[in-house]
PDB file of N, CA and C in Angstrom:
ATOM      1  N   MET A   1     -43.751  10.137 -27.573  1.00  0.00           N
ATOM      2  CA  MET A   1     -43.779  11.780 -27.985  1.00  0.00           C
ATOM      3  C   MET A   1     -44.277  12.186 -29.361  1.00  0.00           C
ATOM      4  N   ALA A   2     -45.235  13.078 -29.213  1.00  0.00           N
ATOM      5  CA  ALA A   2     -45.850  13.793 -30.273  1.00  0.00           C
ATOM      6  C   ALA A   2     -45.039  14.790 -31.226  1.00  0.00           C
ATOM      7  N   SER A   3     -45.236  14.869 -32.188  1.00  0.00           N
ATOM      8  CA  SER A   3     -44.428  15.770 -33.446  1.00  0.00           C
ATOM      9  C   SER A   3     -45.250  16.152 -33.989  1.00  0.00           C
ATOM     10  N   VAL A   4     -44.754  17.252 -34.863  1.00  0.00           N
ATOM     11  CA  VAL A   4     -45.202  17.749 -36.130  1.00  0.00           C
ATOM     12  C   VAL A   4     -44.698  17.036 -37.689  1.00  0.00           C
ATOM     13  N   ARG A   5     -45.717  16.632 -37.968  1.00  0.00           N
ATOM     14  CA  ARG A   5     -45.268  15.739 -39.328  1.00  0.00           C
ATOM     15  C   ARG A   5     -44.687  16.948 -40.568  1.00  0.00           C
ATOM     16  N   GLY A   6     -43.660  16.358 -41.064  1.00  0.00           N
ATOM     17  CA  GLY A   6     -42.937  17.229 -42.019  1.00  0.00           C
ATOM     18  C   GLY A   6     -42.100  18.526 -41.431  1.00  0.00           C
ATOM     19  N   PHE A   7     -42.376  18.614 -39.843  1.00  0.00           N
ATOM     20  CA  PHE A   7     -40.896  19.752 -39.578  1.00  0.00           C
ATOM     21  C   PHE A   7     -39.945  19.478 -39.741  1.00  0.00           C
ATOM     22  N   SER A   8     -38.520  20.359 -40.116  1.00  0.00           N
ATOM     23  CA  SER A   8     -37.757  20.537 -40.476  1.00  0.00           C
ATOM     24  C   SER A   8     -37.254  21.698 -40.365  1.00  0.00           C
ATOM     25  N   LEU A   9     -35.824  21.811 -40.535  1.00  0.00           N
ATOM     26  CA  LEU A   9     -35.219  23.211 -40.624  1.00  0.00           C
ATOM     27  C   LEU A   9     -34.523  23.550 -41.767  1.00  0.00           C
ATOM     28  N   LYS A  10     -34.819  23.095 -42.499  1.00  0.00           N
ATOM     29  CA  LYS A  10     -34.842  23.279 -44.456  1.00  0.00           C
ATOM     30  C   LYS A  10     -34.753  24.700 -44.890  1.00  0.00           C
ATOM     31  N   HIS A  11     -35.681  25.642 -43.941  1.00  0.00           N
ATOM     32  CA  HIS A  11     -36.021  27.116 -44.514  1.00  0.00           C
ATOM     33  C   HIS A  11     -35.595  28.131 -43.545  1.00  0.00           C
ATOM     34  N   ILE A  12     -34.937  27.243 -42.654  1.00  0.00           N
ATOM     35  CA  ILE A  12     -34.560  28.273 -41.279  1.00  0.00           C
ATOM     36  C   ILE A  12     -32.808  28.247 -41.103  1.00  0.00           C
ATOM     37  N   SER A  13     -32.609  29.708 -40.986  1.00  0.00           N
ATOM     38  CA  SER A  13     -30.868  29.893 -40.986  1.00  0.00           C
ATOM     39  C   SER A  13     -30.550  29.899 -39.556  1.00  0.00           C
ATOM     40  N   LYS A  14     -31.674  30.360 -38.505  1.00  0.00           N
ATOM     41  CA  LYS A  14     -30.894  30.345 -37.256  1.00  0.00           C
ATOM     42  C   LYS A  14     -32.227  30.282 -36.330  1.00  0.00           C
ATOM     43  N   ILE A  15     -32.204  29.698 -35.038  1.00  0.00           N
ATOM     44  CA  ILE A  15     -33.065  29.551 -34.166  1.00  0.00           C
ATOM     45  C   ILE A  15     -32.443  30.012 -32.891  1.00  0.00           C
ATOM     46  N   ILE A  16     -32.834  30.990 -32.123  1.00  0.00           N
ATOM     47  CA  ILE A  16     -32.681  31.638 -30.995  1.00  0.00           C
ATOM     48  C   ILE A  16     -33.156  31.316 -29.898  1.00  0.00           C
ATOM     49  N   VAL A  17     -32.916  30.577 -28.955  1.00  0.00           N
ATOM     50  CA  VAL A  17     -34.052  30.043 -27.935  1.00  0.00           C
ATOM     51  C   VAL A  17     -33.435  30.781 -26.456  1.00  0.00           C
ATOM     52  N   SER A  18     -34.301  31.152 -25.932  1.00  0.00           N
ATOM     53  CA  SER A  18     -33.804  32.666 -24.368  1.00  0.00           C
ATOM     54  C   SER A  18     -34.810  31.954 -23.577  1.00  0.00           C
ATOM     55  N   PHE A  19     -34.286  31.601 -22.192  1.00  0.00           N
ATOM     56  CA  PHE A  19     -35.276  31.427 -21.209  1.00  0.00           C
ATOM     57  C   PHE A  19     -34.355  31.376 -19.927  1.00  0.00           C
ATOM     58  N   CYS A  20     -35.270  31.959 -18.832  1.00  0.00           N
ATOM     59  CA  CYS A  20     -34.657  31.968 -17.599  1.00  0.00           C
ATOM     60  C   CYS A  20     -34.851  30.808 -16.974  1.00  0.00           C
ATOM     61  N   THR A  21     -33.518  30.382 -16.483  1.00  0.00           N
ATOM     62  CA  THR A  21     -33.797  29.052 -15.583  1.00  0.00           C
ATOM     63  C   THR A  21     -34.888  28.926 -14.627  1.00  0.00           C
ATOM     64  N   PHE A  22     -34.897  30.088 -13.644  1.00  0.00           N
ATOM     65  CA  PHE A  22     -35.906  30.195 -12.794  1.00  0.00           C
ATOM     66  C   PHE A  22     -37.535  30.143 -13.161  1.00  0.00           C
ATOM     67  N   ASN A  23     -37.704  30.516 -14.340  1.00  0.00           N
ATOM     68  CA  ASN A  23     -38.938  30.875 -14.838  1.00  0.00           C
ATOM     69  C   ASN A  23     -39.644  29.403 -15.570  1.00  0.00           C
ATOM     70  N   SER A  24     -40.839  29.268 -14.481  1.00  0.00           N
ATOM     71  CA  SER A  24     -41.775  27.809 -14.385  1.00  0.00           C
ATOM     72  C   SER A  24     -42.176  27.626 -16.276  1.00  0.00           C
ATOM     73  N   ASN A  25     -42.338  28.611 -16.833  1.00  0.00           N
ATOM     74  CA  ASN A  25     -43.023  28.890 -18.345  1.00  0.00           C
ATOM     75  C   ASN A  25     -42.087  28.536 -19.356  1.00  0.00           C
ATOM     76  N   ALA A  26     -40.940  27.723 -18.816  1.00  0.00           N
ATOM     77  CA  ALA A  26     -39.545  27.789 -19.973  1.00  0.00           C
ATOM     78  C   ALA A  26     -39.867  26.393 -20.772  1.00  0.00           C
ATOM     79  N   SER A  27     -40.676  25.553 -19.896  1.00  0.00           N
ATOM     80  CA  SER A  27     -40.584  24.198 -20.279  1.00  0.00           C
ATOM     81  C   SER A  27     -40.806  23.973 -21.817  1.00  0.00           C
ATOM     82  N   SER A  28     -41.859  24.660 -22.246  1.00  0.00           N
ATOM     83  CA  SER A  28     -42.148  24.709 -24.059  1.00  0.00           C
ATOM     84  C   SER A  28     -40.901  24.938 -24.690  1.00  0.00           C
ATOM     85  N   VAL A  29     -40.118  26.077 -24.265  1.00  0.00           N
ATOM     86  CA  VAL A  29     -38.894  26.506 -25.240  1.00  0.00           C
ATOM     87  C   VAL A  29     -37.834  25.389 -25.270  1.00  0.00           C
ATOM     88  N   ARG A  30     -37.530  24.843 -23.809  1.00  0.00           N
ATOM     89  CA  ARG A  30     -36.670  23.992 -23.856  1.00  0.00           C
ATOM     90  C   ARG A  30     -36.908  22.655 -24.376  1.00  0.00           C
ATOM     91  N   GLU A  31     -38.170  22.568 -24.486  1.00  0.00           N
ATOM     92  CA  GLU A  31     -38.568  21.163 -25.473  1.00  0.00           C
ATOM     93  C   GLU A  31     -38.366  21.335 -27.090  1.00  0.00           C
ATOM     94  N   LEU A  32     -38.652  22.460 -27.285  1.00  0.00           N
ATOM     95  CA  LEU A  32     -38.407  22.816 -28.559  1.00  0.00           C
ATOM     96  C   LEU A  32     -36.782  22.956 -28.958  1.00  0.00           C
ATOM     97  N   LEU A  33     -35.970  23.441 -28.170  1.00  0.00           N
ATOM     98  CA  LEU A  33     -34.409  23.301 -28.551  1.00  0.00           C
ATOM     99  C   LEU A  33     -34.511  22.014 -28.204  1.00  0.00           C
ATOM    100  N   ARG A  34     -34.754  21.270 -27.695  1.00  0.00           N
ATOM    101  CA  ARG A  34     -34.077  19.324 -27.545  1.00  0.00           C
ATOM    102  C   ARG A  34     -34.441  19.051 -28.533  1.00  0.00           C
ATOM    103  N   ARG A  35     -35.604  19.886 -29.403  1.00  0.00           N
ATOM    104  CA  ARG A  35     -36.130  18.671 -30.532  1.00  0.00           C
ATOM    105  C   ARG A  35     -35.348  19.272 -32.011  1.00  0.00           C
ATOM    106  N   VAL A  36     -34.899  20.500 -31.719  1.00  0.00           N
ATOM    107  CA  VAL A  36     -34.275  21.241 -32.763  1.00  0.00           C
ATOM    108  C   VAL A  36     -32.897  20.965 -32.819  1.00  0.00           C
ATOM    109  N   SER A  37     -32.343  20.576 -31.955  1.00  0.00           N
ATOM    110  CA  SER A  37     -31.128  20.109 -31.498  1.00  0.00           C
ATOM    111  C   SER A  37     -30.806  18.444 -31.740  1.00  0.00           C
ATOM    112  N   SER A  38     -31.442  17.860 -32.268  1.00  0.00           N
ATOM    113  CA  SER A  38     -31.311  16.418 -32.406  1.00  0.00           C
ATOM    114  C   SER A  38     -30.910  16.161 -33.468  1.00  0.00           C
ATOM    115  N   ASP A  39     -30.145  15.234 -33.541  1.00  0.00           N
ATOM    116  CA  ASP A  39     -29.355  14.408 -35.026  1.00  0.00           C
ATOM    117  C   ASP A  39     -30.443  14.697 -35.981  1.00  0.00           C
ATOM    118  N   SER A  40     -31.346  14.261 -36.051  1.00  0.00           N
ATOM    119  CA  SER A  40     -32.134  14.257 -37.079  1.00  0.00           C
ATOM    120  C   SER A  40     -32.787  15.473 -37.609  1.00  0.00           C
ATOM    121  N   MET A  41     -32.974  16.632 -36.785  1.00  0.00           N
ATOM    122  CA  MET A  41     -33.434  17.923 -37.419  1.00  0.00           C
ATOM    123  C   MET A  41     -32.156  18.349 -37.865  1.00  0.00           C
ATOM    124  N   LYS A  42     -31.117  18.307 -37.357  1.00  0.00           N
ATOM    125  CA  LYS A  42     -29.648  18.811 -38.050  1.00  0.00           C
ATOM    126  C   LYS A  42     -29.633  18.170 -39.286  1.00  0.00           C
ATOM    127  N   GLU A  43     -29.708  17.206 -39.587  1.00  0.00           N
ATOM    128  CA  GLU A  43     -29.509  16.757 -40.920  1.00  0.00           C
ATOM    129  C   GLU A  43     -30.457  17.235 -41.652  1.00  0.00           C
ATOM    130  N   SER A  44     -31.638  17.827 -41.340  1.00  0.00           N
ATOM    131  CA  SER A  44     -32.383  18.670 -42.347  1.00  0.00           C
ATOM    132  C   SER A  44     -31.887  20.157 -42.885  1.00  0.00           C
ATOM    133  N   ASN A  45     -31.022  20.388 -42.139  1.00  0.00           N
ATOM    134  CA  ASN A  45     -30.126  21.701 -42.606  1.00  0.00           C
ATOM    135  C   ASN A  45     -28.958  21.817 -41.781  1.00  0.00           C
ATOM    136  N   PRO A  46     -28.035  21.282 -42.277  1.00  0.00           N
ATOM    137  CA  PRO A  46     -26.778  21.386 -41.220  1.00  0.00           C
ATOM    138  C   PRO A  46     -26.332  22.622 -41.240  1.00  0.00           C
ATOM    139  N   LYS A  47     -26.448  23.800 -41.837  1.00  0.00           N
ATOM    140  CA  LYS A  47     -26.292  25.041 -41.529  1.00  0.00           C
ATOM    141  C   LYS A  47     -27.106  26.100 -40.894  1.00  0.00           C
ATOM    142  N   CYS A  48     -28.197  25.189 -40.483  1.00  0.00           N
ATOM    143  CA  CYS A  48     -28.763  26.162 -39.749  1.00  0.00           C
ATOM    144  C   CYS A  48     -28.150  26.439 -38.263  1.00  0.00           C
ATOM    145  N   ILE A  49     -28.231  27.432 -37.435  1.00  0.00           N
ATOM    146  CA  ILE A  49     -27.501  27.563 -36.275  1.00  0.00           C
ATOM    147  C   ILE A  49     -28.581  27.400 -35.392  1.00  0.00           C
ATOM    148  N   VAL A  50     -28.175  26.887 -34.110  1.00  0.00           N
ATOM    149  CA  VAL A  50     -28.960  26.854 -32.974  1.00  0.00           C
ATOM    150  C   VAL A  50     -28.689  27.648 -31.849  1.00  0.00           C
ATOM    151  N   GLU A  51     -28.761  28.708 -31.385  1.00  0.00           N
ATOM    152  CA  GLU A  51     -28.396  29.015 -30.235  1.00  0.00           C
ATOM    153  C   GLU A  51     -29.018  29.396 -28.994  1.00  0.00           C
ATOM    154  N   THR A  52     -28.708  29.071 -27.948  1.00  0.00           N
ATOM    155  CA  THR A  52     -29.331  29.119 -26.440  1.00  0.00           C
ATOM    156  C   THR A  52     -28.625  30.226 -25.803  1.00  0.00           C
ATOM    157  N   ARG A  53     -29.519  31.057 -25.342  1.00  0.00           N
ATOM    158  CA  ARG A  53     -29.165  31.931 -24.558  1.00  0.00           C
ATOM    159  C   ARG A  53     -30.090  31.917 -22.983  1.00  0.00           C
ATOM    160  N   VAL A  54     -29.190  31.875 -22.114  1.00  0.00           N
ATOM    161  CA  VAL A  54     -29.794  31.472 -20.578  1.00  0.00           C
ATOM    162  C   VAL A  54     -29.948  32.740 -20.036  1.00  0.00           C
ATOM    163  N   VAL A  55     -31.059  33.274 -19.507  1.00  0.00           N
ATOM    164  CA  VAL A  55     -30.953  34.746 -19.010  1.00  0.00           C
ATOM    165  C   VAL A  55     -31.104  34.331 -17.281  1.00  0.00           C
ATOM    166  N   ASN A  56     -30.789  35.251 -16.549  1.00  0.00           N
ATOM    167  CA  ASN A  56     -31.124  35.313 -15.001  1.00  0.00           C
ATOM    168  C   ASN A  56     -32.196  36.603 -14.666  1.00  0.00           C
ATOM    169  N   ASP A  57     -32.881  37.006 -15.258  1.00  0.00           N
ATOM    170  CA  ASP A  57     -34.124  38.153 -15.426  1.00  0.00           C
ATOM    171  C   ASP A  57     -35.139  38.109 -15.297  1.00  0.00           C
ATOM    172  N   GLU A  58     -35.798  36.582 -15.187  1.00  0.00           N
ATOM    173  CA  GLU A  58     -37.383  36.173 -15.052  1.00  0.00           C
ATOM    174  C   GLU A  58     -38.087  36.793 -16.346  1.00  0.00           C
ATOM    175  N   SER A  59     -37.390  37.068 -17.465  1.00  0.00           N
ATOM    176  CA  SER A  59     -38.048  37.400 -18.639  1.00  0.00           C
ATOM    177  C   SER A  59     -39.047  35.845 -19.083  1.00  0.00           C
ATOM    178  N   ALA A  60     -39.918  36.470 -19.928  1.00  0.00           N
ATOM    179  CA  ALA A  60     -40.558  35.473 -20.693  1.00  0.00           C
ATOM    180  C   ALA A  60     -39.813  34.490 -21.778  1.00  0.00           C
ATOM    181  N   PRO A  61     -39.756  33.427 -21.715  1.00  0.00           N
ATOM    182  CA  PRO A  61     -39.098  32.408 -22.584  1.00  0.00           C
ATOM    183  C   PRO A  61     -39.383  32.520 -24.129  1.00  0.00           C
ATOM    184  N   THR A  62     -38.417  33.027 -24.866  1.00  0.00           N
ATOM    185  CA  THR A  62     -38.704  33.087 -26.293  1.00  0.00           C
ATOM    186  C   THR A  62     -37.895  32.317 -27.512  1.00  0.00           C
ATOM    187  N   VAL A  63     -38.659  32.466 -28.157  1.00  0.00           N
ATOM    188  CA  VAL A  63     -37.925  31.526 -29.461  1.00  0.00           C
ATOM    189  C   VAL A  63     -38.132  32.488 -30.731  1.00  0.00           C
ATOM    190  N   GLN A  64     -36.793  32.949 -31.121  1.00  0.00           N
ATOM    191  CA  GLN A  64     -36.772  33.908 -32.261  1.00  0.00           C
ATOM    192  C   GLN A  64     -36.128  33.115 -33.860  1.00  0.00           C
ATOM    193  N   VAL A  65     -36.667  33.195 -34.880  1.00  0.00           N
ATOM    194  CA  VAL A  65     -36.647  32.241 -35.657  1.00  0.00           C
ATOM    195  C   VAL A  65     -36.141  32.868 -36.963  1.00  0.00           C
ATOM    196  N   LYS A  66     -35.079  32.838 -37.636  1.00  0.00           N
ATOM    197  CA  LYS A  66     -34.837  33.217 -39.004  1.00  0.00           C
ATOM    198  C   LYS A  66     -34.649  32.563 -39.892  1.00  0.00           C
ATOM    199  N   PHE A  67     -35.354  32.932 -41.206  1.00  0.00           N
ATOM    200  CA  PHE A  67     -35.709  32.031 -42.149  1.00  0.00           C
ATOM    201  C   PHE A  67     -34.797  32.551 -43.210  1.00  0.00           C
ATOM    202  N   VAL A  68     -34.357  31.431 -44.344  1.00  0.00           N
ATOM    203  CA  VAL A  68     -33.570  31.759 -45.200  1.00  0.00           C
ATOM    204  C   VAL A  68     -33.604  32.930 -46.213  1.00  0.00           C
ATOM    205  N   ASN A  69     -34.773  33.278 -45.907  1.00  0.00           N
ATOM    206  CA  ASN A  69     -35.397  34.514 -47.087  1.00  0.00           C
ATOM    207  C   ASN A  69     -35.002  35.678 -46.501  1.00  0.00           C
ATOM    208  N   GLY A  70     -34.688  35.778 -45.296  1.00  0.00           N
ATOM    209  CA  GLY A  70     -34.135  37.312 -44.258  1.00  0.00           C
ATOM    210  C   GLY A  70     -35.814  37.529 -43.656  1.00  0.00           C
ATOM    211  N   GLU A  71     -36.792  36.743 -43.183  1.00  0.00           N
ATOM    212  CA  GLU A  71     -37.708  36.921 -42.259  1.00  0.00           C
ATOM    213  C   GLU A  71     -37.278  36.465 -41.103  1.00  0.00           C
ATOM    214  N   GLU A  72     -38.036  37.141 -40.412  1.00  0.00           N
ATOM    215  CA  GLU A  72     -38.050  36.411 -38.594  1.00  0.00           C
ATOM    216  C   GLU A  72     -39.209  36.204 -38.328  1.00  0.00           C
ATOM    217  N   MET A  73     -39.086  35.592 -37.435  1.00  0.00           N
ATOM    218  CA  MET A  73     -40.673  35.454 -36.412  1.00  0.00           C
ATOM    219  C   MET A  73     -40.024  35.346 -34.712  1.00  0.00           C
ATOM    220  N   ARG A  74     -40.868  35.606 -34.122  1.00  0.00           N
ATOM    221  CA  ARG A  74     -40.519  35.487 -32.478  1.00  0.00           C
ATOM    222  C   ARG A  74     -41.881  35.234 -31.708  1.00  0.00           C
ATOM    223  N   LEU A  75     -41.432  33.900 -31.105  1.00  0.00           N
ATOM    224  CA  LEU A  75     -42.514  33.497 -30.238  1.00  0.00           C
ATOM    225  C   LEU A  75     -42.477  33.372 -28.578  1.00  0.00           C
ATOM    226  N   ASN A  76     -43.390  33.754 -28.392  1.00  0.00           N
ATOM    227  CA  ASN A  76     -43.436  33.931 -26.763  1.00  0.00           C
ATOM    228  C   ASN A  76     -43.742  32.361 -26.108  1.00  0.00           C
ATOM    229  N   GLY A  77     -42.899  31.623 -25.273  1.00  0.00           N
ATOM    230  CA  GLY A  77     -43.064  30.493 -24.814  1.00  0.00           C
ATOM    231  C   GLY A  77     -43.907  30.528 -23.914  1.00  0.00           C
ATOM    232  N   SER A  78     -44.434  31.736 -23.230  1.00  0.00           N
ATOM    233  CA  SER A  78     -45.313  31.137 -21.888  1.00  0.00           C
ATOM    234  C   SER A  78     -46.828  31.372 -22.583  1.00  0.00           C
ATOM    235  N   GLU A  79     -46.888  31.597 -23.789  1.00  0.00           N
ATOM    236  CA  GLU A  79     -48.196  31.558 -24.568  1.00  0.00           C
ATOM    237  C   GLU A  79     -48.634  30.604 -25.230  1.00  0.00           C
ATOM    238  N   HIS A  80     -47.374  29.388 -25.812  1.00  0.00           N
ATOM    239  CA  HIS A  80     -47.235  28.438 -26.902  1.00  0.00           C
ATOM    240  C   HIS A  80     -47.005  27.188 -26.001  1.00  0.00           C
ATOM    241  N   HIS A  81     -47.564  25.980 -26.493  1.00  0.00           N
ATOM    242  CA  HIS A  81     -47.337  24.800 -26.387  1.00  0.00           C
ATOM    243  C   HIS A  81     -46.085  24.367 -27.249  1.00  0.00           C
ATOM    244  N   VAL A  82     -45.368  23.525 -27.192  1.00  0.00           N
ATOM    245  CA  VAL A  82     -44.206  23.371 -28.106  1.00  0.00           C
ATOM    246  C   VAL A  82     -44.637  22.936 -29.411  1.00  0.00           C
ATOM    247  N   LEU A  83     -45.887  22.083 -29.397  1.00  0.00           N
ATOM    248  CA  LEU A  83     -46.322  21.418 -30.890  1.00  0.00           C
ATOM    249  C   LEU A  83     -46.866  22.853 -31.334  1.00  0.00           C
ATOM    250  N   ASP A  84     -47.513  23.581 -30.720  1.00  0.00           N
ATOM    251  CA  ASP A  84     -48.109  24.917 -31.148  1.00  0.00           C
ATOM    252  C   ASP A  84     -46.898  25.847 -32.221  1.00  0.00           C
ATOM    253  N   MET A  85     -45.979  25.904 -31.302  1.00  0.00           N
ATOM    254  CA  MET A  85     -44.888  26.589 -31.765  1.00  0.00           C
ATOM    255  C   MET A  85     -44.181  26.070 -33.113  1.00  0.00           C
ATOM    256  N   MET A  86     -44.323  24.644 -33.122  1.00  0.00           N
ATOM    257  CA  MET A  86     -43.871  23.838 -34.352  1.00  0.00           C
ATOM    258  C   MET A  86     -44.677  23.958 -35.264  1.00  0.00           C
ATOM    259  N   LYS A  87     -45.710  23.929 -35.319  1.00  0.00           N
ATOM    260  CA  LYS A  87     -46.921  23.822 -36.144  1.00  0.00           C
ATOM    261  C   LYS A  87     -46.766  25.447 -36.467  1.00  0.00           C
ATOM    262  N   ILE A  88     -46.768  26.892 -35.897  1.00  0.00           N
ATOM    263  CA  ILE A  88     -46.463  27.912 -36.446  1.00  0.00           C
ATOM    264  C   ILE A  88     -45.113  28.088 -37.530  1.00  0.00           C
ATOM    265  N   ILE A  89     -44.168  27.475 -36.950  1.00  0.00           N
ATOM    266  CA  ILE A  89     -42.914  27.648 -37.736  1.00  0.00           C
ATOM    267  C   ILE A  89     -43.240  26.900 -38.757  1.00  0.00           C
ATOM    268  N   LYS A  90     -43.516  26.086 -38.779  1.00  0.00           N
ATOM    269  CA  LYS A  90     -43.565  24.706 -40.024  1.00  0.00           C
ATOM    270  C   LYS A  90     -44.556  25.759 -41.212  1.00  0.00           C
ATOM    271  N   ALA A  91     -45.789  26.258 -40.637  1.00  0.00           N
ATOM    272  CA  ALA A  91     -46.660  26.813 -41.437  1.00  0.00           C
ATOM    273  C   ALA A  91     -45.933  28.181 -42.313  1.00  0.00           C
ATOM    274  N   LYS A  92     -45.000  28.845 -41.848  1.00  0.00           N
ATOM    275  CA  LYS A  92     -44.346  29.814 -42.245  1.00  0.00           C
ATOM    276  C   LYS A  92     -43.411  29.287 -43.172  1.00  0.00           C
ATOM    277  N   SER A  93     -42.971  28.219 -42.654  1.00  0.00           N
ATOM    278  CA  SER A  93     -41.857  27.492 -43.825  1.00  0.00           C
ATOM    279  C   SER A  93     -42.551  27.098 -44.862  1.00  0.00           C
ATOM    280  N   ASP A  94     -43.630  26.241 -44.858  1.00  0.00           N
ATOM    281  CA  ASP A  94     -44.205  25.654 -45.970  1.00  0.00           C
ATOM    282  C   ASP A  94     -44.420  26.727 -46.948  1.00  0.00           C
ATOM    283  N   THR A  95     -44.651  28.054 -46.817  1.00  0.00           N
ATOM    284  CA  THR A  95     -44.725  29.235 -47.687  1.00  0.00           C
ATOM    285  C   THR A  95     -43.729  29.429 -48.513  1.00  0.00           C
ATOM    286  N   MET A  96     -42.813  28.850 -48.423  1.00  0.00           N
ATOM    287  CA  MET A  96     -41.039  29.060 -49.034  1.00  0.00           C
ATOM    288  C   MET A  96     -40.758  28.199 -49.767  1.00  0.00           C
ATOM    289  N   THR A  97     -42.011  27.052 -49.920  1.00  0.00           N
ATOM    290  CA  THR A  97     -41.533  26.114 -50.775  1.00  0.00           C
ATOM    291  C   THR A  97     -41.948  26.336 -52.418  1.00  0.00           C
TER     292      THR A  97
END
């Protein structure tokens, strides 16, 4: 399994993953959800809230990230592979160190 070196939840206060179970494009956000919900990720920031929203409206899968400094980012899972989303989130997090 490939990963993004140095990715952590250190600078993230909340992640909201939203997807429709009937949308075939939801695999990337479901995989991101699996990764950020892992024990090793939770250890990087135990205060980070990971929320899942399962919808049935065939909307695009999304990931909303809230950073500890109050900034927010929204990613469309239909447009990004899981590794791309992790790289984008990490790049933003790296600006906060």
